[in-house]
Amino acid sequence: MSSEPENFLIESGIVPLVYELYCLRSCHPCWSCEGHNDSDGNVYRLPQVWFFTTSVIYPRLIDEHIYALRHKEKLGTPWHVCLTYAPSESPYSAFALKPDMAVSVKPTLESLQRDAMAIARGFSDNIRARAEEYLAGNHF
């Protein structure tokens, strides 16, 4: 899943979510972070996964998956999919799946990492099922 596993290991706290994105085969993870605290114990790096996709339906389906989890109160912090940096030589848009700190109270790193695991559970199966509903014309 890593383009250079010898130099850039995927951190263990984010591997399940990276793997689930990878399993979709239409979303190609390109960068991730499990999140980190500073020396005072405050979150200074958010857990997140960046990915490329050639289809704009996938970010929408992922966002719907996250919204459903939030609605079921399985997430402590709202997460979202947003457009992010992509190298100028890349023909594809890059997206980030990460906590939405604009609408959140200051969460702990542990709660954000629990959210990442909750998002990963059943992720690829859920996204595929949602995609099939769209293809069948059964929009929700």
N, C-alpha and C. Protein backbone atom coordinates (compact mmCIF):
# COMPACT_ATOMS: atom_id res chain seq x y z
N MET A 1 0.82 -1.20 0.00
CA MET A 1 0.00 0.00 0.00
C MET A 1 0.86 1.26 0.00
N SER A 2 2.07 1.18 0.48
CA SER A 2 2.97 2.33 0.46
C SER A 2 3.79 2.26 -0.81
N SER A 3 4.00 3.42 -1.43
CA SER A 3 4.79 3.44 -2.66
C SER A 3 6.26 3.14 -2.38
N GLU A 4 6.72 3.43 -1.17
CA GLU A 4 8.10 3.15 -0.77
C GLU A 4 8.10 2.58 0.65
N PRO A 5 7.71 1.31 0.81
CA PRO A 5 7.56 0.75 2.15
C PRO A 5 8.84 0.74 2.98
N GLU A 6 10.00 0.71 2.32
CA GLU A 6 11.26 0.70 3.07
C GLU A 6 11.50 2.06 3.75
N ASN A 7 11.10 3.13 3.08
CA ASN A 7 11.34 4.48 3.59
C ASN A 7 10.12 5.11 4.25
N PHE A 8 8.93 4.72 3.82
CA PHE A 8 7.71 5.35 4.30
C PHE A 8 6.70 4.29 4.74
N LEU A 9 6.88 3.81 5.95
CA LEU A 9 5.93 2.85 6.50
C LEU A 9 4.62 3.55 6.82
N ILE A 10 3.53 2.85 6.67
CA ILE A 10 2.24 3.39 7.07
C ILE A 10 2.12 3.17 8.58
N GLU A 11 1.82 4.23 9.30
CA GLU A 11 1.74 4.13 10.76
C GLU A 11 0.59 3.20 11.16
N SER A 12 0.84 2.39 12.18
CA SER A 12 -0.10 1.33 12.55
C SER A 12 -1.49 1.85 12.92
N GLY A 13 -1.58 3.05 13.48
CA GLY A 13 -2.87 3.58 13.90
C GLY A 13 -3.78 4.00 12.77
N ILE A 14 -3.27 4.05 11.54
CA ILE A 14 -4.08 4.47 10.40
C ILE A 14 -4.15 3.38 9.33
N VAL A 15 -3.39 2.29 9.51
CA VAL A 15 -3.37 1.20 8.51
C VAL A 15 -4.76 0.69 8.16
N PRO A 16 -5.66 0.42 9.12
CA PRO A 16 -6.98 -0.11 8.71
C PRO A 16 -7.74 0.80 7.75
N LEU A 17 -7.67 2.10 7.96
CA LEU A 17 -8.37 3.02 7.07
C LEU A 17 -7.68 3.12 5.71
N VAL A 18 -6.37 3.14 5.70
CA VAL A 18 -5.62 3.14 4.44
C VAL A 18 -5.95 1.87 3.65
N TYR A 19 -5.96 0.75 4.33
CA TYR A 19 -6.24 -0.53 3.68
C TYR A 19 -7.64 -0.54 3.06
N GLU A 20 -8.62 -0.05 3.80
CA GLU A 20 -9.99 -0.04 3.29
C GLU A 20 -10.11 0.84 2.04
N LEU A 21 -9.45 1.98 2.03
CA LEU A 21 -9.43 2.82 0.82
C LEU A 21 -8.76 2.08 -0.33
N TYR A 22 -7.64 1.45 -0.02
CA TYR A 22 -6.89 0.68 -1.01
C TYR A 22 -7.76 -0.42 -1.61
N CYS A 23 -8.58 -1.07 -0.79
CA CYS A 23 -9.44 -2.17 -1.25
C CYS A 23 -10.50 -1.72 -2.25
N LEU A 24 -10.84 -0.45 -2.26
CA LEU A 24 -11.82 0.04 -3.22
C LEU A 24 -11.29 -0.02 -4.65
N ARG A 25 -9.97 0.03 -4.79
CA ARG A 25 -9.28 -0.01 -6.09
C ARG A 25 -9.58 1.21 -6.95
N SER A 26 -10.45 2.09 -6.50
CA SER A 26 -10.75 3.32 -7.24
C SER A 26 -10.25 4.55 -6.48
N CYS A 27 -9.83 4.33 -5.26
CA CYS A 27 -9.26 5.38 -4.43
C CYS A 27 -7.85 4.93 -4.06
N HIS A 28 -6.88 5.70 -4.48
CA HIS A 28 -5.49 5.29 -4.28
C HIS A 28 -4.85 6.14 -3.19
N PRO A 29 -4.67 5.56 -1.98
CA PRO A 29 -4.04 6.33 -0.91
C PRO A 29 -2.65 6.80 -1.32
N CYS A 30 -2.33 8.03 -0.99
CA CYS A 30 -1.02 8.57 -1.37
C CYS A 30 -0.27 9.15 -0.18
N TRP A 31 -0.94 9.38 0.94
CA TRP A 31 -0.29 9.90 2.14
C TRP A 31 -1.21 9.66 3.32
N SER A 32 -0.63 9.40 4.48
CA SER A 32 -1.46 9.19 5.67
C SER A 32 -0.69 9.56 6.93
N CYS A 33 -1.43 9.75 8.00
CA CYS A 33 -0.85 10.03 9.31
C CYS A 33 -1.82 9.49 10.36
N GLU A 34 -1.28 8.83 11.38
CA GLU A 34 -2.13 8.32 12.46
C GLU A 34 -2.47 9.41 13.47
N GLY A 35 -1.85 10.58 13.34
CA GLY A 35 -2.07 11.68 14.28
C GLY A 35 -0.99 11.67 15.35
N HIS A 36 -0.68 12.84 15.86
CA HIS A 36 0.37 12.97 16.87
C HIS A 36 0.06 14.11 17.83
N ASN A 37 0.50 13.95 19.05
CA ASN A 37 0.41 14.99 20.07
C ASN A 37 1.72 15.76 20.14
N ASP A 38 1.63 17.00 20.61
CA ASP A 38 2.86 17.76 20.88
C ASP A 38 3.36 17.41 22.28
N SER A 39 4.40 18.06 22.72
CA SER A 39 5.00 17.74 24.03
C SER A 39 4.08 18.06 25.20
N ASP A 40 3.06 18.91 24.97
CA ASP A 40 2.10 19.23 26.03
C ASP A 40 0.87 18.32 26.00
N GLY A 41 0.85 17.37 25.07
CA GLY A 41 -0.27 16.44 24.99
C GLY A 41 -1.43 16.92 24.14
N ASN A 42 -1.23 18.01 23.41
CA ASN A 42 -2.28 18.53 22.52
C ASN A 42 -2.09 17.97 21.11
N VAL A 43 -3.21 17.74 20.43
CA VAL A 43 -3.14 17.23 19.06
C VAL A 43 -2.51 18.30 18.17
N TYR A 44 -1.44 17.94 17.47
CA TYR A 44 -0.85 18.88 16.52
C TYR A 44 -0.81 18.31 15.12
N ARG A 45 -1.01 17.02 14.96
CA ARG A 45 -1.18 16.40 13.64
C ARG A 45 -2.42 15.53 13.70
N LEU A 46 -3.33 15.76 12.78
CA LEU A 46 -4.58 15.01 12.77
C LEU A 46 -4.42 13.67 12.06
N PRO A 47 -5.13 12.64 12.53
CA PRO A 47 -5.17 11.40 11.76
C PRO A 47 -5.90 11.70 10.45
N GLN A 48 -5.36 11.20 9.35
CA GLN A 48 -5.98 11.45 8.05
C GLN A 48 -5.36 10.57 6.98
N VAL A 49 -6.09 10.46 5.89
CA VAL A 49 -5.61 9.72 4.73
C VAL A 49 -5.90 10.57 3.50
N TRP A 50 -4.88 10.75 2.68
CA TRP A 50 -5.04 11.44 1.39
C TRP A 50 -5.11 10.37 0.32
N PHE A 51 -5.92 10.64 -0.71
CA PHE A 51 -6.06 9.68 -1.79
C PHE A 51 -6.38 10.37 -3.11
N PHE A 52 -6.01 9.69 -4.19
CA PHE A 52 -6.36 10.12 -5.54
C PHE A 52 -7.54 9.28 -6.01
N THR A 53 -8.38 9.87 -6.83
CA THR A 53 -9.43 9.12 -7.50
C THR A 53 -9.76 9.82 -8.81
N THR A 54 -10.15 9.04 -9.79
CA THR A 54 -10.53 9.62 -11.08
C THR A 54 -12.04 9.87 -11.13
N SER A 55 -12.76 9.41 -10.14
CA SER A 55 -14.22 9.56 -10.10
C SER A 55 -14.63 10.41 -8.90
N VAL A 56 -15.38 11.46 -9.15
CA VAL A 56 -15.81 12.32 -8.03
C VAL A 56 -16.94 11.70 -7.22
N ILE A 57 -17.48 10.57 -7.66
CA ILE A 57 -18.52 9.92 -6.88
C ILE A 57 -17.96 9.32 -5.59
N TYR A 58 -16.71 8.87 -5.61
CA TYR A 58 -16.15 8.24 -4.41
C TYR A 58 -16.02 9.18 -3.22
N PRO A 59 -15.52 10.39 -3.39
CA PRO A 59 -15.52 11.30 -2.24
C PRO A 59 -16.93 11.52 -1.68
N ARG A 60 -17.90 11.59 -2.56
CA ARG A 60 -19.29 11.76 -2.11
C ARG A 60 -19.76 10.54 -1.32
N LEU A 61 -19.49 9.33 -1.84
CA LEU A 61 -19.90 8.11 -1.14
C LEU A 61 -19.19 7.99 0.22
N ILE A 62 -17.93 8.34 0.25
CA ILE A 62 -17.18 8.30 1.51
C ILE A 62 -17.77 9.29 2.51
N ASP A 63 -18.10 10.48 2.04
CA ASP A 63 -18.71 11.49 2.91
C ASP A 63 -20.06 11.00 3.44
N GLU A 64 -20.83 10.31 2.61
CA GLU A 64 -22.11 9.75 3.05
C GLU A 64 -21.90 8.67 4.11
N HIS A 65 -20.87 7.86 3.94
CA HIS A 65 -20.54 6.83 4.93
C HIS A 65 -20.21 7.48 6.28
N ILE A 66 -19.42 8.53 6.23
CA ILE A 66 -19.03 9.25 7.46
C ILE A 66 -20.25 9.90 8.11
N TYR A 67 -21.10 10.51 7.29
CA TYR A 67 -22.31 11.14 7.83
C TYR A 67 -23.19 10.11 8.53
N ALA A 68 -23.34 8.93 7.92
CA ALA A 68 -24.17 7.87 8.53
C ALA A 68 -23.58 7.44 9.88
N LEU A 69 -22.27 7.31 9.95
CA LEU A 69 -21.63 6.95 11.23
C LEU A 69 -21.86 8.03 12.28
N ARG A 70 -21.73 9.27 11.87
CA ARG A 70 -21.94 10.39 12.80
C ARG A 70 -23.39 10.41 13.28
N HIS A 71 -24.32 10.18 12.36
CA HIS A 71 -25.75 10.15 12.70
C HIS A 71 -26.06 9.03 13.70
N LYS A 72 -25.35 7.91 13.58
CA LYS A 72 -25.53 6.78 14.50
C LYS A 72 -24.71 6.96 15.78
N GLU A 73 -24.07 8.11 15.92
CA GLU A 73 -23.24 8.46 17.08
C GLU A 73 -22.07 7.50 17.28
N LYS A 74 -21.48 7.05 16.16
CA LYS A 74 -20.31 6.17 16.23
C LYS A 74 -19.01 6.95 16.13
N LEU A 75 -19.11 8.27 15.89
CA LEU A 75 -17.93 9.12 15.82
C LEU A 75 -18.01 10.20 16.88
N GLY A 76 -16.88 10.47 17.52
CA GLY A 76 -16.84 11.52 18.52
C GLY A 76 -16.64 12.90 17.93
N THR A 77 -16.08 12.95 16.73
CA THR A 77 -15.77 14.20 16.04
C THR A 77 -16.25 14.09 14.61
N PRO A 78 -16.83 15.15 14.06
CA PRO A 78 -17.20 15.10 12.64
C PRO A 78 -15.95 14.96 11.77
N TRP A 79 -16.04 14.14 10.75
CA TRP A 79 -14.98 13.98 9.76
C TRP A 79 -15.56 14.41 8.43
N HIS A 80 -14.69 14.67 7.46
CA HIS A 80 -15.15 15.04 6.14
C HIS A 80 -14.11 14.68 5.09
N VAL A 81 -14.54 14.77 3.85
CA VAL A 81 -13.66 14.59 2.70
C VAL A 81 -13.51 15.96 2.06
N CYS A 82 -12.29 16.36 1.82
CA CYS A 82 -12.07 17.66 1.20
C CYS A 82 -10.98 17.56 0.14
N LEU A 83 -11.03 18.48 -0.79
CA LEU A 83 -9.99 18.58 -1.80
C LEU A 83 -8.72 19.04 -1.12
N THR A 84 -7.58 18.47 -1.49
CA THR A 84 -6.32 18.84 -0.86
C THR A 84 -5.23 18.99 -1.91
N TYR A 85 -4.04 19.20 -1.46
CA TYR A 85 -2.90 19.43 -2.34
C TYR A 85 -2.63 18.22 -3.23
N ALA A 86 -2.36 18.50 -4.47
CA ALA A 86 -1.88 17.48 -5.41
C ALA A 86 -0.72 18.09 -6.19
N PRO A 87 0.32 17.32 -6.42
CA PRO A 87 1.45 17.86 -7.19
C PRO A 87 1.00 18.35 -8.57
N SER A 88 1.61 19.40 -9.05
CA SER A 88 1.21 19.98 -10.34
C SER A 88 1.35 18.99 -11.50
N GLU A 89 2.26 18.02 -11.37
CA GLU A 89 2.42 17.05 -12.44
C GLU A 89 1.36 15.95 -12.41
N SER A 90 0.53 15.92 -11.37
CA SER A 90 -0.51 14.89 -11.27
C SER A 90 -1.76 15.32 -12.04
N PRO A 91 -2.30 14.44 -12.88
CA PRO A 91 -3.52 14.79 -13.61
C PRO A 91 -4.79 14.58 -12.76
N TYR A 92 -4.63 14.04 -11.56
CA TYR A 92 -5.79 13.71 -10.72
C TYR A 92 -5.91 14.65 -9.53
N SER A 93 -7.13 14.79 -9.06
CA SER A 93 -7.36 15.55 -7.84
C SER A 93 -7.05 14.66 -6.64
N ALA A 94 -6.55 15.28 -5.59
CA ALA A 94 -6.29 14.55 -4.34
C ALA A 94 -7.30 15.02 -3.30
N PHE A 95 -7.74 14.07 -2.49
CA PHE A 95 -8.72 14.35 -1.45
C PHE A 95 -8.15 13.91 -0.11
N ALA A 96 -8.61 14.54 0.95
CA ALA A 96 -8.21 14.17 2.31
C ALA A 96 -9.45 13.73 3.07
N LEU A 97 -9.33 12.62 3.77
CA LEU A 97 -10.36 12.14 4.69
C LEU A 97 -9.80 12.42 6.07
N LYS A 98 -10.42 13.39 6.78
CA LYS A 98 -9.85 13.83 8.05
C LYS A 98 -10.91 14.44 8.95
N PRO A 99 -10.58 14.63 10.24
CA PRO A 99 -11.52 15.28 11.15
C PRO A 99 -11.79 16.71 10.70
N ASP A 100 -13.02 17.14 10.87
CA ASP A 100 -13.42 18.50 10.53
C ASP A 100 -13.30 19.36 11.78
N MET A 101 -12.14 19.95 11.97
CA MET A 101 -11.87 20.70 13.19
C MET A 101 -12.60 22.04 13.24
N ALA A 102 -13.17 22.48 12.12
CA ALA A 102 -13.91 23.74 12.11
C ALA A 102 -15.21 23.64 12.91
N VAL A 103 -15.73 22.42 13.07
CA VAL A 103 -17.00 22.25 13.77
C VAL A 103 -16.85 21.38 15.01
N SER A 104 -15.65 21.26 15.52
CA SER A 104 -15.42 20.34 16.62
C SER A 104 -14.81 21.03 17.83
N VAL A 105 -15.19 20.54 18.98
CA VAL A 105 -14.53 20.93 20.21
C VAL A 105 -13.18 20.21 20.22
N LYS A 106 -12.24 20.71 20.93
CA LYS A 106 -10.89 20.15 20.96
C LYS A 106 -10.90 18.67 21.39
N PRO A 107 -10.78 17.75 20.43
CA PRO A 107 -10.79 16.32 20.77
C PRO A 107 -9.41 15.84 21.20
N THR A 108 -9.37 14.67 21.79
CA THR A 108 -8.09 14.05 22.12
C THR A 108 -7.63 13.22 20.93
N LEU A 109 -6.34 12.96 20.86
CA LEU A 109 -5.80 12.11 19.80
C LEU A 109 -6.42 10.73 19.89
N GLU A 110 -6.60 10.22 21.09
CA GLU A 110 -7.18 8.89 21.27
C GLU A 110 -8.59 8.81 20.69
N SER A 111 -9.41 9.86 20.90
CA SER A 111 -10.77 9.83 20.36
C SER A 111 -10.75 9.93 18.84
N LEU A 112 -9.84 10.70 18.28
CA LEU A 112 -9.72 10.79 16.82
C LEU A 112 -9.27 9.47 16.22
N GLN A 113 -8.35 8.79 16.89
CA GLN A 113 -7.90 7.48 16.40
C GLN A 113 -9.01 6.44 16.51
N ARG A 114 -9.84 6.52 17.56
CA ARG A 114 -11.00 5.63 17.66
C ARG A 114 -11.97 5.88 16.49
N ASP A 115 -12.14 7.16 16.16
CA ASP A 115 -13.00 7.51 15.01
C ASP A 115 -12.46 6.89 13.73
N ALA A 116 -11.14 6.98 13.52
CA ALA A 116 -10.53 6.41 12.30
C ALA A 116 -10.81 4.91 12.22
N MET A 117 -10.75 4.22 13.35
CA MET A 117 -11.04 2.79 13.36
C MET A 117 -12.52 2.53 13.09
N ALA A 118 -13.40 3.37 13.63
CA ALA A 118 -14.84 3.22 13.39
C ALA A 118 -15.17 3.45 11.91
N ILE A 119 -14.51 4.41 11.28
CA ILE A 119 -14.72 4.66 9.86
C ILE A 119 -14.23 3.47 9.04
N ALA A 120 -13.13 2.87 9.43
CA ALA A 120 -12.55 1.74 8.69
C ALA A 120 -13.42 0.49 8.75
N ARG A 121 -14.13 0.28 9.87
CA ARG A 121 -14.95 -0.93 10.02
C ARG A 121 -16.04 -0.99 8.95
N GLY A 122 -15.96 -1.95 8.06
CA GLY A 122 -16.96 -2.14 7.02
C GLY A 122 -16.93 -1.09 5.92
N PHE A 123 -15.87 -0.29 5.89
CA PHE A 123 -15.77 0.84 4.97
C PHE A 123 -15.94 0.44 3.52
N SER A 124 -15.07 -0.42 3.01
CA SER A 124 -15.11 -0.74 1.57
C SER A 124 -16.41 -1.44 1.19
N ASP A 125 -16.93 -2.31 2.05
CA ASP A 125 -18.20 -2.97 1.76
C ASP A 125 -19.34 -1.95 1.69
N ASN A 126 -19.34 -1.01 2.62
CA ASN A 126 -20.38 0.01 2.66
C ASN A 126 -20.30 0.92 1.43
N ILE A 127 -19.09 1.33 1.06
CA ILE A 127 -18.94 2.20 -0.10
C ILE A 127 -19.37 1.48 -1.37
N ARG A 128 -19.00 0.21 -1.50
CA ARG A 128 -19.42 -0.57 -2.67
C ARG A 128 -20.94 -0.69 -2.73
N ALA A 129 -21.57 -0.95 -1.59
CA ALA A 129 -23.03 -1.08 -1.55
C ALA A 129 -23.70 0.24 -1.95
N ARG A 130 -23.16 1.34 -1.47
CA ARG A 130 -23.71 2.66 -1.84
C ARG A 130 -23.53 2.92 -3.33
N ALA A 131 -22.38 2.55 -3.87
CA ALA A 131 -22.13 2.73 -5.30
C ALA A 131 -23.11 1.90 -6.13
N GLU A 132 -23.37 0.67 -5.70
CA GLU A 132 -24.32 -0.17 -6.42
C GLU A 132 -25.72 0.41 -6.38
N GLU A 133 -26.11 1.04 -5.26
CA GLU A 133 -27.40 1.70 -5.17
C GLU A 133 -27.50 2.84 -6.17
N TYR A 134 -26.43 3.60 -6.29
CA TYR A 134 -26.41 4.69 -7.27
C TYR A 134 -26.53 4.14 -8.69
N LEU A 135 -25.77 3.09 -8.98
CA LEU A 135 -25.83 2.50 -10.32
C LEU A 135 -27.22 1.95 -10.65
N ALA A 136 -27.89 1.42 -9.65
CA ALA A 136 -29.23 0.87 -9.84
C ALA A 136 -30.30 1.96 -9.87
N GLY A 137 -29.89 3.19 -9.57
CA GLY A 137 -30.86 4.29 -9.57
C GLY A 137 -31.63 4.42 -8.27
N ASN A 138 -31.21 3.69 -7.25
CA ASN A 138 -31.87 3.75 -5.94
C ASN A 138 -31.19 4.77 -5.04
N HIS A 139 -31.27 6.01 -5.40
CA HIS A 139 -30.61 7.05 -4.59
C HIS A 139 -31.33 7.15 -3.25
N PHE A 140 -30.55 7.41 -2.21
CA PHE A 140 -31.14 7.45 -0.87
C PHE A 140 -31.43 8.83 -0.44
